[in-house]
C-alpha atoms as a PDB file:
ATOM      1  CA  UNK A   1     103.034  91.457 115.763  1.00  0.00           C
ATOM      2  CA  UNK A   2      99.428  92.860 116.390  1.00  0.00           C
ATOM      3  CA  UNK A   3      98.805  93.548 113.016  1.00  0.00           C
ATOM      4  CA  UNK A   4      99.691  90.106 111.322  1.00  0.00           C
ATOM      5  CA  UNK A   5      96.687  89.102 113.641  1.00  0.00           C
ATOM      6  CA  UNK A   6      94.070  91.672 112.406  1.00  0.00           C
ATOM      7  CA  UNK A   7      95.089  91.067 109.198  1.00  0.00           C
ATOM      8  CA  UNK A   8      94.541  87.283 109.667  1.00  0.00           C
ATOM      9  CA  UNK A   9      91.000  87.598 111.556  1.00  0.00           C
ATOM     10  CA  UNK A  10      90.006  89.928 108.664  1.00  0.00           C
ATOM     11  CA  UNK A  11      89.692  93.176 110.214  1.00  0.00           C
ATOM     12  CA  UNK A  12      90.828  95.140 107.421  1.00  0.00           C
ATOM     13  CA  UNK A  13      88.288  93.246 104.753  1.00  0.00           C
ATOM     14  CA  UNK A  14      84.765  94.259 104.274  1.00  0.00           C
ATOM     15  CA  UNK A  15      82.109  91.707 105.385  1.00  0.00           C
ATOM     16  CA  UNK A  16      80.046  92.485 102.830  1.00  0.00           C
ATOM     17  CA  UNK A  17      80.298  91.035  98.786  1.00  0.00           C
ATOM     18  CA  UNK A  18      81.376  94.080  96.601  1.00  0.00           C
ATOM     19  CA  UNK A  19      77.935  94.803  94.674  1.00  0.00           C
ATOM     20  CA  UNK A  20      77.367  93.992  90.813  1.00  0.00           C
ATOM     21  CA  UNK A  21      74.811  95.076  88.872  1.00  0.00           C
ATOM     22  CA  UNK A  22      72.740  92.205  88.770  1.00  0.00           C
ATOM     23  CA  UNK A  23      71.885  92.380  92.272  1.00  0.00           C
ATOM     24  CA  UNK A  24      69.730  95.702  90.575  1.00  0.00           C
ATOM     25  CA  UNK A  25      68.638  93.831  87.600  1.00  0.00           C
ATOM     26  CA  UNK A  26      64.722  92.621  87.124  1.00  0.00           C
ATOM     27  CA  UNK A  27      63.583  90.806  84.160  1.00  0.00           C
ATOM     28  CA  UNK A  28      60.192  91.034  82.621  1.00  0.00           C
ATOM     29  CA  UNK A  29      59.078  88.802  80.329  1.00  0.00           C
ATOM     30  CA  UNK A  30      55.940  89.804  78.107  1.00  0.00           C
ATOM     31  CA  UNK A  31      53.645  87.051  77.293  1.00  0.00           C
ATOM     32  CA  UNK A  32      50.528  88.235  75.240  1.00  0.00           C
ATOM     33  CA  UNK A  33      50.477  91.796  76.068  1.00  0.00           C
ATOM     34  CA  UNK A  34      50.739  90.688  80.095  1.00  0.00           C
ATOM     35  CA  UNK A  35      54.141  91.434  82.315  1.00  0.00           C
ATOM     36  CA  UNK A  36      55.598  88.744  84.434  1.00  0.00           C
ATOM     37  CA  UNK A  37      58.779  89.502  87.060  1.00  0.00           C
ATOM     38  CA  UNK A  38      61.139  86.962  86.156  1.00  0.00           C
ATOM     39  CA  UNK A  39      62.708  86.233  89.480  1.00  0.00           C
ATOM     40  CA  UNK A  40      65.520  83.735  88.245  1.00  0.00           C
ATOM     41  CA  UNK A  41      68.921  83.406  88.703  1.00  0.00           C
ATOM     42  CA  UNK A  42      71.384  84.390  85.900  1.00  0.00           C
ATOM     43  CA  UNK A  43      72.104  81.340  84.941  1.00  0.00           C
ATOM     44  CA  UNK A  44      68.921  80.268  84.416  1.00  0.00           C
ATOM     45  CA  UNK A  45      67.900  83.429  82.382  1.00  0.00           C
ATOM     46  CA  UNK A  46      71.387  82.741  80.039  1.00  0.00           C
ATOM     47  CA  UNK A  47      69.927  78.979  79.885  1.00  0.00           C
ATOM     48  CA  UNK A  48      66.714  80.750  78.586  1.00  0.00           C
ATOM     49  CA  UNK A  49      68.509  82.687  76.042  1.00  0.00           C
ATOM     50  CA  UNK A  50      70.470  79.617  74.724  1.00  0.00           C
ATOM     51  CA  UNK A  51      67.726  77.365  74.792  1.00  0.00           C
ATOM     52  CA  UNK A  52      65.843  76.910  70.838  1.00  0.00           C
ATOM     53  CA  UNK A  53      62.881  76.417  72.334  1.00  0.00           C
ATOM     54  CA  UNK A  54      61.947  79.272  74.520  1.00  0.00           C
ATOM     55  CA  UNK A  55      58.426  78.616  74.814  1.00  0.00           C
ATOM     56  CA  UNK A  56      55.294  80.958  74.550  1.00  0.00           C
ATOM     57  CA  UNK A  57      57.070  83.871  76.469  1.00  0.00           C
ATOM     58  CA  UNK A  58      57.872  86.553  73.330  1.00  0.00           C
ATOM     59  CA  UNK A  59      60.381  88.674  75.144  1.00  0.00           C
ATOM     60  CA  UNK A  60      62.052  89.493  77.636  1.00  0.00           C
ATOM     61  CA  UNK A  61      63.340  93.012  78.953  1.00  0.00           C
ATOM     62  CA  UNK A  62      66.544  93.574  81.407  1.00  0.00           C
ATOM     63  CA  UNK A  63      65.815  96.356  83.431  1.00  0.00           C
ATOM     64  CA  UNK A  64      68.430  97.802  85.805  1.00  0.00           C
ATOM     65  CA  UNK A  65      68.160 100.346  88.538  1.00  0.00           C
ATOM     66  CA  UNK A  66      71.259 101.846  88.206  1.00  0.00           C
ATOM     67  CA  UNK A  67      71.198 104.310  90.644  1.00  0.00           C
ATOM     68  CA  UNK A  68      70.372 101.907  93.652  1.00  0.00           C
ATOM     69  CA  UNK A  69      73.431  99.899  92.111  1.00  0.00           C
ATOM     70  CA  UNK A  70      75.663 103.138  92.117  1.00  0.00           C
ATOM     71  CA  UNK A  71      74.379 104.103  95.719  1.00  0.00           C
ATOM     72  CA  UNK A  72      75.201 100.416  96.950  1.00  0.00           C
ATOM     73  CA  UNK A  73      79.181  99.974  94.879  1.00  0.00           C
ATOM     74  CA  UNK A  74      79.884 103.765  96.466  1.00  0.00           C
ATOM     75  CA  UNK A  75      78.743 103.093 100.188  1.00  0.00           C
ATOM     76  CA  UNK A  76      80.699  99.594  99.425  1.00  0.00           C
ATOM     77  CA  UNK A  77      83.484 101.598  98.346  1.00  0.00           C
ATOM     78  CA  UNK A  78      83.069 103.741 101.626  1.00  0.00           C
ATOM     79  CA  UNK A  79      83.978 101.154 103.874  1.00  0.00           C
ATOM     80  CA  UNK A  80      86.355  99.392 101.844  1.00  0.00           C
ATOM     81  CA  UNK A  81      88.561 103.283 101.971  1.00  0.00           C
ATOM     82  CA  UNK A  82      88.135 103.030 105.954  1.00  0.00           C
ATOM     83  CA  UNK A  83      89.316  99.565 106.332  1.00  0.00           C
ATOM     84  CA  UNK A  84      92.660 100.429 103.923  1.00  0.00           C
ATOM     85  CA  UNK A  85      92.835 103.782 106.252  1.00  0.00           C
ATOM     86  CA  UNK A  86      92.644 102.047 109.124  1.00  0.00           C
ATOM     87  CA  UNK A  87      95.472  98.857 107.804  1.00  0.00           C
ATOM     88  CA  UNK A  88      97.260 102.066 106.877  1.00  0.00           C
ATOM     89  CA  UNK A  89      97.185 103.684 110.072  1.00  0.00           C
ATOM     90  CA  UNK A  90      97.955 100.752 112.066  1.00  0.00           C
ATOM     91  CA  UNK A  91     100.701  99.176 110.090  1.00  0.00           C
ATOM     92  CA  UNK A  92     102.806 102.608 109.991  1.00  0.00           C
ATOM     93  CA  UNK A  93     102.585 102.889 113.856  1.00  0.00           C
ATOM     94  CA  UNK A  94     104.048  99.890 114.205  1.00  0.00           C
ATOM     95  CA  UNK A  95     106.700 100.161 111.603  1.00  0.00           C
ATOM     96  CA  UNK A  96     107.157 103.084 113.399  1.00  0.00           C
ATOM     97  CA  UNK A  97     106.958 105.139 109.921  1.00  0.00           C
ATOM     98  CA  UNK A  98     103.980 107.309 111.274  1.00  0.00           C
ATOM     99  CA  UNK A  99     106.146 110.383 112.778  1.00  0.00           C
ATOM    100  CA  UNK A 100     107.506 110.905 108.919  1.00  0.00           C
ATOM    101  CA  UNK A 101     106.398 113.866 107.338  1.00  0.00           C
ATOM    102  CA  UNK A 102     106.039 111.277 103.877  1.00  0.00           C
ATOM    103  CA  UNK A 103     104.332 108.693 105.735  1.00  0.00           C
ATOM    104  CA  UNK A 104     101.372 108.921 103.091  1.00  0.00           C
ATOM    105  CA  UNK A 105     103.567 108.634 100.448  1.00  0.00           C
ATOM    106  CA  UNK A 106     105.590 105.999 101.921  1.00  0.00           C
ATOM    107  CA  UNK A 107     102.372 104.170 102.184  1.00  0.00           C
ATOM    108  CA  UNK A 108     101.395 104.464  98.375  1.00  0.00           C
ATOM    109  CA  UNK A 109     104.447 103.022  97.623  1.00  0.00           C
ATOM    110  CA  UNK A 110     103.937  99.993  99.550  1.00  0.00           C
ATOM    111  CA  UNK A 111     100.500  99.608  98.223  1.00  0.00           C
ATOM    112  CA  UNK A 112     101.530 100.430  94.836  1.00  0.00           C
ATOM    113  CA  UNK A 113     104.489  97.871  95.030  1.00  0.00           C
ATOM    114  CA  UNK A 114     102.777  94.828  96.392  1.00  0.00           C
ATOM    115  CA  UNK A 115      98.856  94.824  97.306  1.00  0.00           C
ATOM    116  CA  UNK A 116      98.031  93.055  94.508  1.00  0.00           C
ATOM    117  CA  UNK A 117     100.068  89.829  96.993  1.00  0.00           C
ATOM    118  CA  UNK A 118      97.693  91.150 100.268  1.00  0.00           C
ATOM    119  CA  UNK A 119      98.123  92.703 103.167  1.00  0.00           C
ATOM    120  CA  UNK A 120     100.440  90.740 104.865  1.00  0.00           C
ATOM    121  CA  UNK A 121     102.876  91.906 101.380  1.00  0.00           C
ATOM    122  CA  UNK A 122     102.346  95.583 102.082  1.00  0.00           C
ATOM    123  CA  UNK A 123     102.763  95.440 105.597  1.00  0.00           C
ATOM    124  CA  UNK A 124     106.295  93.656 104.678  1.00  0.00           C
ATOM    125  CA  UNK A 125     107.033  96.169 102.127  1.00  0.00           C
ATOM    126  CA  UNK A 126     106.335  98.766 104.934  1.00  0.00           C
ATOM    127  CA  UNK A 127     109.099  96.863 107.857  1.00  0.00           C
ATOM    128  CA  UNK A 128     111.818  97.080 104.945  1.00  0.00           C
ATOM    129  CA  UNK A 129     111.007 100.166 104.367  1.00  0.00           C
ATOM    130  CA  UNK A 130     111.391 101.523 108.042  1.00  0.00           C
ATOM    131  CA  UNK A 131     114.762  99.265 107.772  1.00  0.00           C
ATOM    132  CA  UNK A 132     115.903 101.163 104.791  1.00  0.00           C
ATOM    133  CA  UNK A 133     115.279 104.492 106.529  1.00  0.00           C
ATOM    134  CA  UNK A 134     116.641 103.752 109.739  1.00  0.00           C
ATOM    135  CA  UNK A 135     119.835 103.103 108.407  1.00  0.00           C
ATOM    136  CA  UNK A 136     119.999 105.917 106.469  1.00  0.00           C
ATOM    137  CA  UNK A 137     119.493 107.749 110.162  1.00  0.00           C
ATOM    138  CA  UNK A 138     122.222 105.751 111.630  1.00  0.00           C
ATOM    139  CA  UNK A 139     124.420 106.106 108.896  1.00  0.00           C
ATOM    140  CA  UNK A 140     123.867 110.248 109.015  1.00  0.00           C
ATOM    141  CA  UNK A 141     124.420 110.234 112.406  1.00  0.00           C
ATOM    142  CA  UNK A 142     127.920 108.811 112.447  1.00  0.00           C
ATOM    143  CA  UNK A 143     128.740 111.247 109.625  1.00  0.00           C
END
């Protein structure tokens, strides 16, 4: 089962994590009219916000580069879509369902039913559907 090896090797998974809004966020501290960039982690920022003594900093502003965030998110989703399409094509080919005119609907059904449990589960659902279709074809040929 070639596709199971590819699933185990992570061939259908993005190598990069999904970008978050925080990746494109900068914090600025205003002290006596001077702007000071804060390059701190989210935990340090939250600790500072929740502390009773915030020290001499009067104001902290959070600025998100929404355009860059949206662009990075779209690029990541495009990669994930391409990997999903590659998985779909390989899975349909290996289960002998690629010749059916409704192959996309069949894959979508398998995906909706089982992708929350992982790609192996989607593949096994496709195998079950392939067995079902094969049984229906054999039954019709016998009639």
